[in-house]
C-alpha atoms as a PDB file:
ATOM      1  CA  GLU A   1     -27.969  -9.337  -1.843  1.00  0.00           C
ATOM      2  CA  THR A   2     -25.987 -11.913  -3.791  1.00  0.00           C
ATOM      3  CA  GLY A   3     -24.769 -10.440  -7.075  1.00  0.00           C
ATOM      4  CA  CYS A   4     -24.922  -6.776  -6.055  1.00  0.00           C
ATOM      5  CA  GLY A   5     -21.202  -6.270  -6.759  1.00  0.00           C
ATOM      6  CA  LYS A   6     -19.559  -6.684  -3.348  1.00  0.00           C
ATOM      7  CA  SER A   7     -16.718  -8.978  -4.454  1.00  0.00           C
ATOM      8  CA  ILE A   8     -16.125  -7.071  -7.697  1.00  0.00           C
ATOM      9  CA  THR A   9     -15.781  -3.876  -5.673  1.00  0.00           C
ATOM     10  CA  ALA A  10     -13.284  -5.546  -3.328  1.00  0.00           C
ATOM     11  CA  LYS A  11     -11.175  -6.911  -6.185  1.00  0.00           C
ATOM     12  CA  SER A  12     -11.318  -3.548  -7.949  1.00  0.00           C
ATOM     13  CA  VAL A  13      -9.549  -1.932  -4.993  1.00  0.00           C
ATOM     14  CA  ILE A  14      -6.431  -3.981  -5.754  1.00  0.00           C
ATOM     15  CA  LYS A  15      -7.007  -4.021  -9.537  1.00  0.00           C
ATOM     16  CA  LEU A  16      -7.606  -7.752  -9.901  1.00  0.00           C
ATOM     17  CA  ILE A  17     -10.777  -7.721 -12.009  1.00  0.00           C
ATOM     18  CA  SER A  18      -8.842  -7.457 -15.282  1.00  0.00           C
ATOM     19  CA  TYR A  19      -7.731 -11.081 -14.793  1.00  0.00           C
ATOM     20  CA  SER A  20     -11.368 -12.197 -15.156  1.00  0.00           C
ATOM     21  CA  GLY A  21     -12.221  -9.893 -18.051  1.00  0.00           C
ATOM     22  CA  GLY A  22     -13.415  -6.921 -15.996  1.00  0.00           C
ATOM     23  CA  GLU A  23     -12.545  -3.267 -16.500  1.00  0.00           C
ATOM     24  CA  ILE A  24     -12.695  -0.132 -14.352  1.00  0.00           C
ATOM     25  CA  ILE A  25     -14.177   2.495 -16.667  1.00  0.00           C
ATOM     26  CA  ASN A  26     -14.276   5.559 -14.395  1.00  0.00           C
ATOM     27  CA  GLY A  27     -13.824   6.865 -10.868  1.00  0.00           C
ATOM     28  CA  SER A  28     -10.806   6.665  -8.589  1.00  0.00           C
ATOM     29  CA  ILE A  29      -9.417   4.434  -5.834  1.00  0.00           C
ATOM     30  CA  ILE A  30      -7.632   6.593  -3.269  1.00  0.00           C
ATOM     31  CA  PHE A  31      -5.313   4.762  -0.895  1.00  0.00           C
ATOM     32  CA  ASP A  32      -2.657   6.488   1.185  1.00  0.00           C
ATOM     33  CA  ASN A  33      -3.379   9.744  -0.714  1.00  0.00           C
ATOM     34  CA  GLU A  34      -2.641   8.113  -4.075  1.00  0.00           C
ATOM     35  CA  ASP A  35      -4.964   6.969  -6.864  1.00  0.00           C
ATOM     36  CA  LEU A  36      -4.343   3.260  -7.420  1.00  0.00           C
ATOM     37  CA  LEU A  37      -5.838   3.487 -10.916  1.00  0.00           C
ATOM     38  CA  SER A  38      -2.755   5.442 -11.978  1.00  0.00           C
ATOM     39  CA  LYS A  39      -0.434   2.638 -10.817  1.00  0.00           C
ATOM     40  CA  SER A  40       1.155   0.184 -13.244  1.00  0.00           C
ATOM     41  CA  GLU A  41       0.896  -3.577 -12.697  1.00  0.00           C
ATOM     42  CA  LYS A  42       4.508  -3.620 -11.498  1.00  0.00           C
ATOM     43  CA  GLU A  43       3.709  -0.948  -8.913  1.00  0.00           C
ATOM     44  CA  MET A  44       0.558  -2.814  -7.821  1.00  0.00           C
ATOM     45  CA  GLN A  45       2.601  -5.965  -7.187  1.00  0.00           C
ATOM     46  CA  LYS A  46       4.513  -4.010  -4.538  1.00  0.00           C
ATOM     47  CA  ILE A  47       1.238  -2.916  -2.932  1.00  0.00           C
ATOM     48  CA  ARG A  48      -0.680  -6.217  -2.950  1.00  0.00           C
ATOM     49  CA  GLY A  49       0.172  -8.311   0.078  1.00  0.00           C
ATOM     50  CA  VAL A  50       2.349  -5.585   1.598  1.00  0.00           C
ATOM     51  CA  LYS A  51       0.030  -2.593   1.968  1.00  0.00           C
ATOM     52  CA  ILE A  52      -3.270  -4.223   0.979  1.00  0.00           C
ATOM     53  CA  SER A  53      -4.091  -7.912   1.333  1.00  0.00           C
ATOM     54  CA  LEU A  54      -7.145  -9.963   0.359  1.00  0.00           C
ATOM     55  CA  ILE A  55      -8.821 -12.822   2.210  1.00  0.00           C
ATOM     56  CA  SER A  56     -10.929 -14.660  -0.381  1.00  0.00           C
ATOM     57  CA  GLN A  57     -14.240 -16.283   0.443  1.00  0.00           C
ATOM     58  CA  ASP A  58     -13.508 -19.980  -0.140  1.00  0.00           C
ATOM     59  CA  PRO A  59     -10.818 -21.497   2.118  1.00  0.00           C
ATOM     60  CA  MET A  60     -11.213 -24.851   0.356  1.00  0.00           C
ATOM     61  CA  THR A  61      -9.719 -23.584  -2.915  1.00  0.00           C
ATOM     62  CA  SER A  62      -7.536 -20.670  -1.781  1.00  0.00           C
ATOM     63  CA  LEU A  63      -4.572 -22.796  -0.674  1.00  0.00           C
ATOM     64  CA  ASP A  64      -2.245 -24.734  -2.992  1.00  0.00           C
ATOM     65  CA  PRO A  65      -3.014 -28.443  -2.380  1.00  0.00           C
ATOM     66  CA  VAL A  66       0.538 -29.650  -3.118  1.00  0.00           C
ATOM     67  CA  TYR A  67       2.424 -27.368  -0.696  1.00  0.00           C
ATOM     68  CA  ARG A  68       2.561 -27.546   3.077  1.00  0.00           C
ATOM     69  CA  VAL A  69       0.573 -24.738   4.680  1.00  0.00           C
ATOM     70  CA  GLY A  70       3.610 -23.454   6.579  1.00  0.00           C
ATOM     71  CA  ASP A  71       5.570 -23.031   3.360  1.00  0.00           C
ATOM     72  CA  GLN A  72       2.669 -21.069   1.861  1.00  0.00           C
ATOM     73  CA  ILE A  73       2.860 -18.586   4.738  1.00  0.00           C
ATOM     74  CA  ILE A  74       6.650 -18.456   4.364  1.00  0.00           C
ATOM     75  CA  GLU A  75       6.333 -17.726   0.633  1.00  0.00           C
ATOM     76  CA  ALA A  76       4.272 -14.606   1.366  1.00  0.00           C
ATOM     77  CA  ILE A  77       6.816 -13.461   3.958  1.00  0.00           C
ATOM     78  CA  GLN A  78       9.895 -14.113   1.805  1.00  0.00           C
ATOM     79  CA  VAL A  79       8.489 -12.496  -1.339  1.00  0.00           C
ATOM     80  CA  HIS A  80       7.906  -9.185   0.405  1.00  0.00           C
ATOM     81  CA  LYS A  81      10.204  -9.127   3.448  1.00  0.00           C
ATOM     82  CA  LYS A  82      13.241 -10.858   1.882  1.00  0.00           C
ATOM     83  CA  LEU A  83      13.962 -12.899   5.034  1.00  0.00           C
ATOM     84  CA  HIS A  84      16.009 -16.098   5.241  1.00  0.00           C
ATOM     85  CA  TYR A  85      13.998 -19.318   5.509  1.00  0.00           C
ATOM     86  CA  ASN A  86      14.588 -19.863   9.233  1.00  0.00           C
ATOM     87  CA  GLN A  87      13.589 -16.283  10.080  1.00  0.00           C
ATOM     88  CA  ALA A  88      10.493 -16.563   7.898  1.00  0.00           C
ATOM     89  CA  LYS A  89       9.591 -19.904   9.486  1.00  0.00           C
ATOM     90  CA  LYS A  90       9.819 -18.400  12.959  1.00  0.00           C
ATOM     91  CA  GLU A  91       7.449 -15.597  11.905  1.00  0.00           C
ATOM     92  CA  ALA A  92       5.084 -18.086  10.251  1.00  0.00           C
ATOM     93  CA  VAL A  93       4.822 -20.277  13.359  1.00  0.00           C
ATOM     94  CA  GLU A  94       4.214 -17.222  15.532  1.00  0.00           C
ATOM     95  CA  LEU A  95       1.484 -16.046  13.146  1.00  0.00           C
ATOM     96  CA  MET A  96      -0.176 -19.466  13.315  1.00  0.00           C
ATOM     97  CA  ARG A  97      -0.088 -19.279  17.104  1.00  0.00           C
ATOM     98  CA  LEU A  98      -1.663 -15.807  16.945  1.00  0.00           C
ATOM     99  CA  MET A  99      -4.439 -17.255  14.773  1.00  0.00           C
ATOM    100  CA  GLY A 100      -5.312 -19.687  17.552  1.00  0.00           C
ATOM    101  CA  ILE A 101      -3.967 -22.752  15.732  1.00  0.00           C
ATOM    102  CA  PRO A 102      -3.073 -25.487  18.263  1.00  0.00           C
ATOM    103  CA  LEU A 103       0.375 -27.100  17.923  1.00  0.00           C
ATOM    104  CA  PRO A 104       1.511 -24.686  15.162  1.00  0.00           C
ATOM    105  CA  GLU A 105       4.917 -26.393  14.851  1.00  0.00           C
ATOM    106  CA  LYS A 106       3.084 -29.584  13.814  1.00  0.00           C
ATOM    107  CA  VAL A 107       0.423 -27.960  11.637  1.00  0.00           C
ATOM    108  CA  PHE A 108       3.211 -26.097   9.803  1.00  0.00           C
ATOM    109  CA  TYR A 109       4.142 -29.358   8.010  1.00  0.00           C
ATOM    110  CA  GLN A 110       0.603 -30.407   7.104  1.00  0.00           C
ATOM    111  CA  TYR A 111      -1.087 -30.135   3.712  1.00  0.00           C
ATOM    112  CA  PRO A 112      -4.394 -28.285   3.162  1.00  0.00           C
ATOM    113  CA  HIS A 113      -6.411 -31.504   2.773  1.00  0.00           C
ATOM    114  CA  GLU A 114      -5.381 -32.521   6.295  1.00  0.00           C
ATOM    115  CA  LEU A 115      -7.009 -29.437   7.841  1.00  0.00           C
ATOM    116  CA  SER A 116     -10.620 -28.511   8.578  1.00  0.00           C
ATOM    117  CA  GLY A 117     -12.327 -25.594   6.829  1.00  0.00           C
ATOM    118  CA  GLY A 118     -11.928 -23.386   9.881  1.00  0.00           C
ATOM    119  CA  MET A 119      -8.233 -24.235  10.178  1.00  0.00           C
ATOM    120  CA  LYS A 120      -7.679 -23.465   6.485  1.00  0.00           C
ATOM    121  CA  GLN A 121      -9.357 -20.098   6.946  1.00  0.00           C
ATOM    122  CA  ARG A 122      -7.004 -19.330   9.837  1.00  0.00           C
ATOM    123  CA  ILE A 123      -4.035 -20.154   7.577  1.00  0.00           C
ATOM    124  CA  ILE A 124      -5.396 -17.810   4.886  1.00  0.00           C
ATOM    125  CA  ILE A 125      -5.815 -15.036   7.453  1.00  0.00           C
ATOM    126  CA  ALA A 126      -2.226 -15.653   8.618  1.00  0.00           C
ATOM    127  CA  ILE A 127      -0.989 -15.271   5.025  1.00  0.00           C
ATOM    128  CA  ALA A 128      -2.980 -12.035   4.635  1.00  0.00           C
ATOM    129  CA  LEU A 129      -1.491 -10.574   7.827  1.00  0.00           C
ATOM    130  CA  SER A 130       2.054 -11.858   7.272  1.00  0.00           C
ATOM    131  CA  CYS A 131       3.379  -8.510   6.005  1.00  0.00           C
ATOM    132  CA  ASP A 132       1.431  -6.236   8.377  1.00  0.00           C
ATOM    133  CA  PRO A 133      -0.712  -4.592   5.664  1.00  0.00           C
ATOM    134  CA  ALA A 134      -2.411  -1.262   6.279  1.00  0.00           C
ATOM    135  CA  LEU A 135      -5.655  -2.602   4.788  1.00  0.00           C
ATOM    136  CA  VAL A 136      -7.073  -6.141   4.879  1.00  0.00           C
ATOM    137  CA  ILE A 137      -9.994  -6.879   2.538  1.00  0.00           C
ATOM    138  CA  ALA A 138     -11.993  -9.857   3.833  1.00  0.00           C
ATOM    139  CA  ASP A 139     -14.398 -11.123   1.161  1.00  0.00           C
ATOM    140  CA  GLU A 140     -17.161 -13.176   2.839  1.00  0.00           C
ATOM    141  CA  PRO A 141     -14.634 -14.889   5.167  1.00  0.00           C
ATOM    142  CA  THR A 142     -17.260 -17.092   6.861  1.00  0.00           C
ATOM    143  CA  THR A 143     -19.496 -18.041   3.903  1.00  0.00           C
ATOM    144  CA  ALA A 144     -18.139 -21.557   3.279  1.00  0.00           C
ATOM    145  CA  LEU A 145     -17.970 -22.511   6.976  1.00  0.00           C
ATOM    146  CA  ASP A 146     -20.525 -24.126   9.283  1.00  0.00           C
ATOM    147  CA  VAL A 147     -22.205 -22.052  11.991  1.00  0.00           C
ATOM    148  CA  THR A 148     -19.907 -23.122  14.842  1.00  0.00           C
ATOM    149  CA  ILE A 149     -16.727 -22.382  12.872  1.00  0.00           C
ATOM    150  CA  GLN A 150     -18.226 -19.099  11.648  1.00  0.00           C
ATOM    151  CA  ALA A 151     -18.581 -17.957  15.252  1.00  0.00           C
ATOM    152  CA  GLN A 152     -14.936 -18.862  15.958  1.00  0.00           C
ATOM    153  CA  ILE A 153     -13.664 -16.964  12.895  1.00  0.00           C
ATOM    154  CA  ILE A 154     -15.811 -13.920  13.746  1.00  0.00           C
ATOM    155  CA  ASP A 155     -14.390 -13.981  17.278  1.00  0.00           C
ATOM    156  CA  LEU A 156     -10.861 -14.176  15.815  1.00  0.00           C
ATOM    157  CA  PHE A 157     -11.548 -11.210  13.520  1.00  0.00           C
ATOM    158  CA  SER A 158     -12.934  -9.200  16.430  1.00  0.00           C
ATOM    159  CA  LYS A 159      -9.706  -9.745  18.384  1.00  0.00           C
ATOM    160  CA  LEU A 160      -7.540  -8.932  15.354  1.00  0.00           C
ATOM    161  CA  ILE A 161      -9.459  -5.717  14.667  1.00  0.00           C
ATOM    162  CA  GLU A 162      -9.005  -4.706  18.299  1.00  0.00           C
ATOM    163  CA  HIS A 163      -5.258  -5.355  18.467  1.00  0.00           C
ATOM    164  CA  ALA A 164      -3.915  -5.144  14.885  1.00  0.00           C
ATOM    165  CA  GLN A 165      -2.648  -1.970  13.258  1.00  0.00           C
ATOM    166  CA  SER A 166      -4.552  -2.797  10.063  1.00  0.00           C
ATOM    167  CA  ALA A 167      -7.885  -1.465   8.855  1.00  0.00           C
ATOM    168  CA  PHE A 168     -10.380  -4.124   7.770  1.00  0.00           C
ATOM    169  CA  LEU A 169     -12.778  -3.889   4.821  1.00  0.00           C
ATOM    170  CA  LEU A 170     -15.329  -6.656   5.398  1.00  0.00           C
ATOM    171  CA  ILE A 171     -17.484  -7.864   2.506  1.00  0.00           C
ATOM    172  CA  THR A 172     -20.574  -9.693   3.782  1.00  0.00           C
ATOM    173  CA  HIS A 173     -24.317 -10.142   3.351  1.00  0.00           C
ATOM    174  CA  ASP A 174     -24.722 -11.019   7.048  1.00  0.00           C
ATOM    175  CA  LEU A 175     -25.991  -7.904   8.819  1.00  0.00           C
ATOM    176  CA  GLY A 176     -25.447  -9.580  12.187  1.00  0.00           C
ATOM    177  CA  VAL A 177     -21.721  -9.765  11.436  1.00  0.00           C
ATOM    178  CA  VAL A 178     -21.761  -6.106  10.363  1.00  0.00           C
ATOM    179  CA  ALA A 179     -23.422  -5.084  13.631  1.00  0.00           C
ATOM    180  CA  GLN A 180     -20.906  -7.084  15.663  1.00  0.00           C
ATOM    181  CA  MET A 181     -17.665  -6.155  13.914  1.00  0.00           C
ATOM    182  CA  CYS A 182     -17.907  -2.926  11.919  1.00  0.00           C
ATOM    183  CA  ASP A 183     -17.718   0.791  12.695  1.00  0.00           C
ATOM    184  CA  SER A 184     -19.178   1.990   9.392  1.00  0.00           C
ATOM    185  CA  VAL A 185     -21.119   0.277   6.617  1.00  0.00           C
ATOM    186  CA  ALA A 186     -21.927   0.781   2.933  1.00  0.00           C
ATOM    187  CA  ILE A 187     -25.130  -0.799   1.586  1.00  0.00           C
ATOM    188  CA  MET A 188     -24.992  -1.977  -2.047  1.00  0.00           C
ATOM    189  CA  TYR A 189     -27.811  -2.651  -4.485  1.00  0.00           C
ATOM    190  CA  ALA A 190     -27.462  -3.605  -8.156  1.00  0.00           C
ATOM    191  CA  GLY A 191     -23.857  -2.445  -8.357  1.00  0.00           C
ATOM    192  CA  ASN A 192     -24.336   0.892  -6.582  1.00  0.00           C
ATOM    193  CA  ILE A 193     -23.703   2.014  -3.026  1.00  0.00           C
ATOM    194  CA  VAL A 194     -27.108   3.370  -2.002  1.00  0.00           C
ATOM    195  CA  GLU A 195     -26.281   4.383   1.572  1.00  0.00           C
ATOM    196  CA  LYS A 196     -23.258   4.558   3.838  1.00  0.00           C
ATOM    197  CA  GLY A 197     -22.487   5.785   7.326  1.00  0.00           C
ATOM    198  CA  PRO A 198     -21.818   4.688  10.918  1.00  0.00           C
ATOM    199  CA  VAL A 199     -23.266   1.246  11.688  1.00  0.00           C
ATOM    200  CA  LYS A 200     -25.382   2.413  14.634  1.00  0.00           C
ATOM    201  CA  LYS A 201     -26.865   5.297  12.636  1.00  0.00           C
ATOM    202  CA  ILE A 202     -27.661   3.127   9.593  1.00  0.00           C
ATOM    203  CA  PHE A 203     -29.222   0.359  11.690  1.00  0.00           C
ATOM    204  CA  HIS A 204     -31.330   2.685  13.839  1.00  0.00           C
ATOM    205  CA  SER A 205     -32.293   5.284  11.236  1.00  0.00           C
ATOM    206  CA  PRO A 206     -31.891   4.037   7.637  1.00  0.00           C
ATOM    207  CA  LYS A 207     -32.581   6.667   4.969  1.00  0.00           C
ATOM    208  CA  HIS A 208     -32.726   4.627   1.756  1.00  0.00           C
ATOM    209  CA  PRO A 209     -35.807   2.406   1.224  1.00  0.00           C
ATOM    210  CA  TYR A 210     -33.619  -0.567   0.259  1.00  0.00           C
ATOM    211  CA  THR A 211     -31.642  -0.332   3.503  1.00  0.00           C
ATOM    212  CA  GLU A 212     -34.919  -0.098   5.402  1.00  0.00           C
ATOM    213  CA  GLY A 213     -36.304  -3.162   3.616  1.00  0.00           C
ATOM    214  CA  LEU A 214     -33.093  -5.110   4.145  1.00  0.00           C
ATOM    215  CA  LEU A 215     -33.166  -4.498   7.893  1.00  0.00           C
ATOM    216  CA  GLN A 216     -36.843  -5.460   8.073  1.00  0.00           C
ATOM    217  CA  CYS A 217     -35.967  -8.847   6.536  1.00  0.00           C
ATOM    218  CA  ILE A 218     -33.930  -9.802   9.608  1.00  0.00           C
ATOM    219  CA  PRO A 219     -35.907 -12.274  11.793  1.00  0.00           C
ATOM    220  CA  LYS A 220     -36.729 -10.868  15.234  1.00  0.00           C
ATOM    221  CA  MET A 221     -36.589 -13.422  18.019  1.00  0.00           C
ATOM    222  CA  ASP A 222     -38.704 -11.330  20.405  1.00  0.00           C
ATOM    223  CA  GLN A 223     -41.645 -11.024  18.009  1.00  0.00           C
ATOM    224  CA  LYS A 224     -44.088 -13.655  16.766  1.00  0.00           C
ATOM    225  CA  GLN A 225     -44.256 -13.624  12.982  1.00  0.00           C
ATOM    226  CA  LYS A 226     -46.007 -16.101  10.730  1.00  0.00           C
ATOM    227  CA  LYS A 227     -44.003 -14.966   7.721  1.00  0.00           C
ATOM    228  CA  LEU A 228     -40.673 -13.261   7.256  1.00  0.00           C
ATOM    229  CA  ASN A 229     -40.702  -9.827   5.686  1.00  0.00           C
ATOM    230  CA  ALA A 230     -39.483  -9.761   2.097  1.00  0.00           C
ATOM    231  CA  ILE A 231     -38.761  -7.100  -0.510  1.00  0.00           C
ATOM    232  CA  PRO A 232     -41.122  -7.654  -3.478  1.00  0.00           C
ATOM    233  CA  GLY A 233     -39.717  -8.083  -6.978  1.00  0.00           C
ATOM    234  CA  THR A 234     -36.268  -9.096  -8.188  1.00  0.00           C
ATOM    235  CA  VAL A 235     -32.909  -7.422  -8.757  1.00  0.00           C
ATOM    236  CA  PRO A 236     -32.695  -5.969 -12.305  1.00  0.00           C
ATOM    237  CA  HIS A 237     -30.423  -7.623 -14.846  1.00  0.00           C
ATOM    238  CA  PRO A 238     -27.063  -5.795 -15.304  1.00  0.00           C
ATOM    239  CA  ARG A 239     -27.870  -5.273 -18.989  1.00  0.00           C
ATOM    240  CA  ASN A 240     -31.196  -3.662 -18.182  1.00  0.00           C
ATOM    241  CA  PHE A 241     -30.700  -1.367 -15.190  1.00  0.00           C
ATOM    242  CA  PRO A 242     -33.487   1.225 -14.793  1.00  0.00           C
ATOM    243  CA  THR A 243     -32.656   4.914 -15.095  1.00  0.00           C
ATOM    244  CA  GLY A 244     -32.256   6.913 -11.908  1.00  0.00           C
ATOM    245  CA  CYS A 245     -32.398   4.926  -8.681  1.00  0.00           C
ATOM    246  CA  ARG A 246     -32.001   1.239  -9.504  1.00  0.00           C
ATOM    247  CA  PHE A 247     -34.294   0.279  -6.631  1.00  0.00           C
ATOM    248  CA  TYR A 248     -37.164   2.310  -8.147  1.00  0.00           C
ATOM    249  CA  PRO A 249     -39.162  -0.662  -9.610  1.00  0.00           C
ATOM    250  CA  ARG A 250     -39.291  -2.398  -6.200  1.00  0.00           C
ATOM    251  CA  CYS A 251     -39.629   0.639  -3.956  1.00  0.00           C
ATOM    252  CA  GLN A 252     -42.838   1.311  -2.010  1.00  0.00           C
ATOM    253  CA  HIS A 253     -41.887   4.993  -1.688  1.00  0.00           C
ATOM    254  CA  ALA A 254     -40.990   5.572  -5.353  1.00  0.00           C
ATOM    255  CA  MET A 255     -41.573   9.059  -6.770  1.00  0.00           C
ATOM    256  CA  LYS A 256     -41.039  10.677 -10.159  1.00  0.00           C
ATOM    257  CA  LYS A 257     -37.850  12.386  -8.986  1.00  0.00           C
ATOM    258  CA  CYS A 258     -36.322   8.939  -8.361  1.00  0.00           C
ATOM    259  CA  LEU A 259     -36.152   8.358 -12.124  1.00  0.00           C
END
């Protein structure tokens, strides 16, 4: 559900929540056998973009409006790979071609406002992949796009996941996208991961009542329904989370031991 903490969790992985007033108060973030919480900001700058990259959810505001899109890809390459401009440009154009951008040599010199939402998203993905990161975090990469463009971006991601050497952490509320693209899934509710496991196992045999309710909310084209299924109640306010399982007040299977 919206507001359950998906984006905060993603930004926490690369320690970006402090810029918006957030704080990680406990736990650990293990990446490549190291705890990222022990890293200084200077050390994290060498990890972000190189080992871990982030694709944010709004392509309309993620690009600098006063710089050509090609130069924005080049900037990411030069900062981390230390290549000369011509070498970086060659890599940038090839990345754009890999993203399925037609006439990349021409698009290279265009500004963000000259491109469609889907084309901007492809540029953002190119920037994220420019340094061959081990992990790519994609935060709702299709949310701001229309249905047709969403399908194209999902198809692009599917091809990248198949051929790239990177692992992808996909943040989404679209269970159809999860079923199509992911190997494993973690279900979040009110800031907590309530269930995780292989996609097929979770979809066919959910264990947590929230996961079960979430899957029942998906419209089924082969069944006639007058009304869509819905989970009764509302998500608790962050300042007033219930004790025990946070889904307890809305759960049809609630028991005393859940508290």
